Amino acid sequence: MAAKDEIIVAQSTPNYDDFGIDDYWTCTDWTIWYTELQSEYGKTEARLIWRSAWENQDIAEHNYMWCGFDTSFRSFLKKNKLGDTSWVHDVGVGLGDTVSGGADGLGWIGRNVNWILPIGVVMYGVFFVLKTVQAFKEVSK
């Protein structure tokens, strides 16, 4: 979240998520900033400034990893032609949307598949990379 009492204006500098516990802009703060940028500079310039700042985040930052799973944030990106958050979100969210459409009747899992499935996909990817690295280490011995 933005620092306490911080008012986000077009001239604000994004508060990125640093290592450890800290204040950082939420998905909502990023949308507020874009609205302010658009009011101040117009759509084209606002898109350039916002996208450049968004892409300056580290891949491990909270927003970069999780805003793409927020339906309203994804709608905001699409409506304002700001692109997607990352390919990981495209895969995870696409699978989650597809499965959740057919899983509504499965109780708790059906209601929560939107976040369970993407986490599972990411965990499988990490497992696959680790196994591949281990295999390369064994071959190179």
C-alpha atoms as a PDB file:
ATOM      1  CA  MET A   1       0.000   0.000   0.000  1.00  0.00           C
ATOM      2  CA  ALA A   2       1.056   3.546  -0.480  1.00  0.00           C
ATOM      3  CA  ALA A   3       2.702   5.133   2.515  1.00  0.00           C
ATOM      4  CA  LYS A   4       0.262   6.461   5.090  1.00  0.00           C
ATOM      5  CA  ASP A   5      -1.268   9.789   4.046  1.00  0.00           C
ATOM      6  CA  GLU A   6       0.423   9.632   0.607  1.00  0.00           C
ATOM      7  CA  ILE A   7      -1.618  11.374  -2.059  1.00  0.00           C
ATOM      8  CA  ILE A   8      -0.854   9.990  -5.492  1.00  0.00           C
ATOM      9  CA  VAL A   9      -0.588  12.625  -8.218  1.00  0.00           C
ATOM     10  CA  ALA A  10       0.791  12.615 -11.762  1.00  0.00           C
ATOM     11  CA  GLN A  11       4.213  13.694 -10.510  1.00  0.00           C
ATOM     12  CA  SER A  12       4.409  10.883  -7.926  1.00  0.00           C
ATOM     13  CA  THR A  13       7.178   8.330  -8.159  1.00  0.00           C
ATOM     14  CA  PRO A  14       6.010   4.717  -7.820  1.00  0.00           C
ATOM     15  CA  ASN A  15       6.815   3.105  -4.513  1.00  0.00           C
ATOM     16  CA  TYR A  16       8.250  -0.269  -5.496  1.00  0.00           C
ATOM     17  CA  ASP A  17       8.227  -3.340  -3.279  1.00  0.00           C
ATOM     18  CA  ASP A  18      11.638  -3.649  -1.649  1.00  0.00           C
ATOM     19  CA  PHE A  19      13.027  -6.766  -0.009  1.00  0.00           C
ATOM     20  CA  GLY A  20      11.401  -7.494   3.346  1.00  0.00           C
ATOM     21  CA  ILE A  21       8.400  -5.838   4.918  1.00  0.00           C
ATOM     22  CA  ASP A  22       7.811  -2.369   3.551  1.00  0.00           C
ATOM     23  CA  ASP A  23       5.198  -0.032   2.109  1.00  0.00           C
ATOM     24  CA  TYR A  24       4.682  -0.247  -1.640  1.00  0.00           C
ATOM     25  CA  TRP A  25       2.007   0.719  -4.107  1.00  0.00           C
ATOM     26  CA  THR A  26      -0.911  -1.660  -4.423  1.00  0.00           C
ATOM     27  CA  CYS A  27      -2.663  -2.522  -7.687  1.00  0.00           C
ATOM     28  CA  THR A  28      -5.190   0.206  -6.819  1.00  0.00           C
ATOM     29  CA  ASP A  29      -2.422   2.765  -6.283  1.00  0.00           C
ATOM     30  CA  TRP A  30      -1.080   1.987  -9.776  1.00  0.00           C
ATOM     31  CA  THR A  31      -4.542   2.540 -11.282  1.00  0.00           C
ATOM     32  CA  ILE A  32      -4.944   5.837  -9.405  1.00  0.00           C
ATOM     33  CA  TRP A  33      -1.558   6.995 -10.688  1.00  0.00           C
ATOM     34  CA  TYR A  34      -2.510   6.145 -14.265  1.00  0.00           C
ATOM     35  CA  THR A  35      -5.718   8.179 -13.923  1.00  0.00           C
ATOM     36  CA  GLU A  36      -3.690  11.131 -12.631  1.00  0.00           C
ATOM     37  CA  LEU A  37      -1.123  10.755 -15.427  1.00  0.00           C
ATOM     38  CA  GLN A  38      -3.877  10.662 -18.020  1.00  0.00           C
ATOM     39  CA  SER A  39      -5.461  13.836 -16.635  1.00  0.00           C
ATOM     40  CA  GLU A  40      -2.125  15.632 -16.641  1.00  0.00           C
ATOM     41  CA  TYR A  41      -0.479  14.370 -19.854  1.00  0.00           C
ATOM     42  CA  GLY A  42      -3.135  12.695 -22.004  1.00  0.00           C
ATOM     43  CA  LYS A  43      -3.568   9.021 -22.895  1.00  0.00           C
ATOM     44  CA  THR A  44      -0.510   8.500 -25.092  1.00  0.00           C
ATOM     45  CA  GLU A  45       2.037  10.048 -22.733  1.00  0.00           C
ATOM     46  CA  ALA A  46       0.339   8.503 -19.680  1.00  0.00           C
ATOM     47  CA  ARG A  47       0.627   5.040 -21.237  1.00  0.00           C
ATOM     48  CA  LEU A  48       4.338   5.518 -21.930  1.00  0.00           C
ATOM     49  CA  ILE A  49       5.133   6.811 -18.447  1.00  0.00           C
ATOM     50  CA  TRP A  50       3.001   4.200 -16.665  1.00  0.00           C
ATOM     51  CA  ARG A  51       4.230   1.240 -18.710  1.00  0.00           C
ATOM     52  CA  SER A  52       7.866   2.277 -18.288  1.00  0.00           C
ATOM     53  CA  ALA A  53       7.439   2.537 -14.511  1.00  0.00           C
ATOM     54  CA  TRP A  54       5.526  -0.769 -14.332  1.00  0.00           C
ATOM     55  CA  GLU A  55       8.260  -2.571 -16.251  1.00  0.00           C
ATOM     56  CA  ASN A  56      10.930  -1.223 -13.866  1.00  0.00           C
ATOM     57  CA  GLN A  57       9.645  -3.577 -11.180  1.00  0.00           C
ATOM     58  CA  ASP A  58      11.630  -6.645 -10.316  1.00  0.00           C
ATOM     59  CA  ILE A  59       9.923  -9.896 -11.345  1.00  0.00           C
ATOM     60  CA  ALA A  60       9.722 -10.926  -7.663  1.00  0.00           C
ATOM     61  CA  GLU A  61       7.878  -7.800  -6.530  1.00  0.00           C
ATOM     62  CA  HIS A  62       4.424  -8.321  -5.073  1.00  0.00           C
ATOM     63  CA  ASN A  63       2.479  -6.316  -7.670  1.00  0.00           C
ATOM     64  CA  TYR A  64       4.328  -7.735 -10.645  1.00  0.00           C
ATOM     65  CA  MET A  65       3.520 -11.231  -9.434  1.00  0.00           C
ATOM     66  CA  TRP A  66      -0.030 -10.793  -8.139  1.00  0.00           C
ATOM     67  CA  CYS A  67      -1.829  -7.859  -9.808  1.00  0.00           C
ATOM     68  CA  GLY A  68      -2.347  -9.986 -12.909  1.00  0.00           C
ATOM     69  CA  PHE A  69      -4.598 -12.308 -10.907  1.00  0.00           C
ATOM     70  CA  ASP A  70      -6.845  -9.392  -9.876  1.00  0.00           C
ATOM     71  CA  THR A  71      -9.806  -9.318 -12.271  1.00  0.00           C
ATOM     72  CA  SER A  72     -10.388  -5.571 -11.894  1.00  0.00           C
ATOM     73  CA  PHE A  73      -6.689  -4.836 -12.518  1.00  0.00           C
ATOM     74  CA  ARG A  74      -6.709  -7.002 -15.652  1.00  0.00           C
ATOM     75  CA  SER A  75      -9.797  -5.111 -16.837  1.00  0.00           C
ATOM     76  CA  PHE A  76      -7.999  -1.821 -16.129  1.00  0.00           C
ATOM     77  CA  LEU A  77      -5.002  -2.927 -18.233  1.00  0.00           C
ATOM     78  CA  LYS A  78      -7.222  -4.011 -21.108  1.00  0.00           C
ATOM     79  CA  LYS A  79      -9.453  -0.918 -21.007  1.00  0.00           C
ATOM     80  CA  ASN A  80      -6.453   1.431 -21.059  1.00  0.00           C
ATOM     81  CA  LYS A  81      -4.424  -0.633 -23.561  1.00  0.00           C
ATOM     82  CA  LEU A  82      -1.550  -1.040 -21.128  1.00  0.00           C
ATOM     83  CA  GLY A  83      -0.769  -4.620 -22.075  1.00  0.00           C
ATOM     84  CA  ASP A  84      -0.538  -7.610 -19.797  1.00  0.00           C
ATOM     85  CA  THR A  85       1.391  -8.015 -16.587  1.00  0.00           C
ATOM     86  CA  SER A  86       3.422 -11.010 -17.794  1.00  0.00           C
ATOM     87  CA  TRP A  87       3.188 -14.274 -19.720  1.00  0.00           C
ATOM     88  CA  VAL A  88       2.991 -16.191 -16.437  1.00  0.00           C
ATOM     89  CA  HIS A  89      -0.267 -14.423 -15.707  1.00  0.00           C
ATOM     90  CA  ASP A  90      -1.574 -15.119 -19.201  1.00  0.00           C
ATOM     91  CA  VAL A  91      -1.047 -18.853 -18.714  1.00  0.00           C
ATOM     92  CA  GLY A  92      -2.162 -19.035 -15.102  1.00  0.00           C
ATOM     93  CA  VAL A  93      -5.169 -16.768 -15.447  1.00  0.00           C
ATOM     94  CA  GLY A  94      -6.255 -18.392 -18.701  1.00  0.00           C
ATOM     95  CA  LEU A  95      -6.156 -21.835 -17.112  1.00  0.00           C
ATOM     96  CA  GLY A  96      -7.817 -20.537 -13.970  1.00  0.00           C
ATOM     97  CA  ASP A  97     -10.634 -18.846 -15.902  1.00  0.00           C
ATOM     98  CA  THR A  98     -11.225 -21.960 -17.998  1.00  0.00           C
ATOM     99  CA  VAL A  99     -11.230 -24.373 -15.085  1.00  0.00           C
ATOM    100  CA  SER A 100     -13.201 -22.124 -12.736  1.00  0.00           C
ATOM    101  CA  GLY A 101     -16.004 -21.861 -15.282  1.00  0.00           C
ATOM    102  CA  GLY A 102     -16.547 -25.592 -14.993  1.00  0.00           C
ATOM    103  CA  ALA A 103     -15.629 -25.956 -11.326  1.00  0.00           C
ATOM    104  CA  ASP A 104     -18.167 -23.703  -9.617  1.00  0.00           C
ATOM    105  CA  GLY A 105     -20.043 -26.704  -8.259  1.00  0.00           C
ATOM    106  CA  LEU A 106     -17.002 -28.257  -6.556  1.00  0.00           C
ATOM    107  CA  GLY A 107     -17.318 -26.444  -3.235  1.00  0.00           C
ATOM    108  CA  TRP A 108     -14.296 -24.682  -1.729  1.00  0.00           C
ATOM    109  CA  ILE A 109     -11.880 -25.815  -4.459  1.00  0.00           C
ATOM    110  CA  GLY A 110     -14.265 -24.622  -7.154  1.00  0.00           C
ATOM    111  CA  ARG A 111     -14.587 -21.216  -5.495  1.00  0.00           C
ATOM    112  CA  ASN A 112     -10.825 -20.856  -5.015  1.00  0.00           C
ATOM    113  CA  VAL A 113      -9.445 -22.442  -8.179  1.00  0.00           C
ATOM    114  CA  ASN A 114      -8.665 -18.942  -9.550  1.00  0.00           C
ATOM    115  CA  TRP A 115      -5.695 -18.657  -7.197  1.00  0.00           C
ATOM    116  CA  ILE A 116      -4.942 -22.342  -6.538  1.00  0.00           C
ATOM    117  CA  LEU A 117      -4.302 -23.269 -10.173  1.00  0.00           C
ATOM    118  CA  PRO A 118      -1.926 -20.378 -11.030  1.00  0.00           C
ATOM    119  CA  ILE A 119       0.123 -21.069  -7.901  1.00  0.00           C
ATOM    120  CA  GLY A 120       0.250 -24.738  -8.887  1.00  0.00           C
ATOM    121  CA  VAL A 121       1.432 -23.841 -12.395  1.00  0.00           C
ATOM    122  CA  VAL A 122       4.183 -21.595 -10.999  1.00  0.00           C
ATOM    123  CA  MET A 123       5.253 -24.257  -8.474  1.00  0.00           C
ATOM    124  CA  TYR A 124       5.404 -26.872 -11.226  1.00  0.00           C
ATOM    125  CA  GLY A 125       7.544 -24.499 -13.315  1.00  0.00           C
ATOM    126  CA  VAL A 126       9.969 -23.981 -10.433  1.00  0.00           C
ATOM    127  CA  PHE A 127      10.114 -27.745  -9.826  1.00  0.00           C
ATOM    128  CA  PHE A 128      10.784 -28.365 -13.533  1.00  0.00           C
ATOM    129  CA  VAL A 129      13.606 -25.790 -13.627  1.00  0.00           C
ATOM    130  CA  LEU A 130      15.206 -27.236 -10.493  1.00  0.00           C
ATOM    131  CA  LYS A 131      15.045 -30.782 -11.897  1.00  0.00           C
ATOM    132  CA  THR A 132      16.542 -29.591 -15.193  1.00  0.00           C
ATOM    133  CA  VAL A 133      19.423 -27.842 -13.392  1.00  0.00           C
ATOM    134  CA  GLN A 134      20.027 -30.971 -11.312  1.00  0.00           C
ATOM    135  CA  ALA A 135      20.096 -33.126 -14.455  1.00  0.00           C
ATOM    136  CA  PHE A 136      22.623 -30.786 -16.105  1.00  0.00           C
ATOM    137  CA  LYS A 137      24.826 -30.925 -13.013  1.00  0.00           C
ATOM    138  CA  GLU A 138      24.799 -34.730 -13.065  1.00  0.00           C
ATOM    139  CA  VAL A 139      25.620 -34.853 -16.786  1.00  0.00           C
ATOM    140  CA  SER A 140      28.501 -32.413 -16.442  1.00  0.00           C
ATOM    141  CA  LYS A 141      30.202 -34.446 -13.668  1.00  0.00           C
END
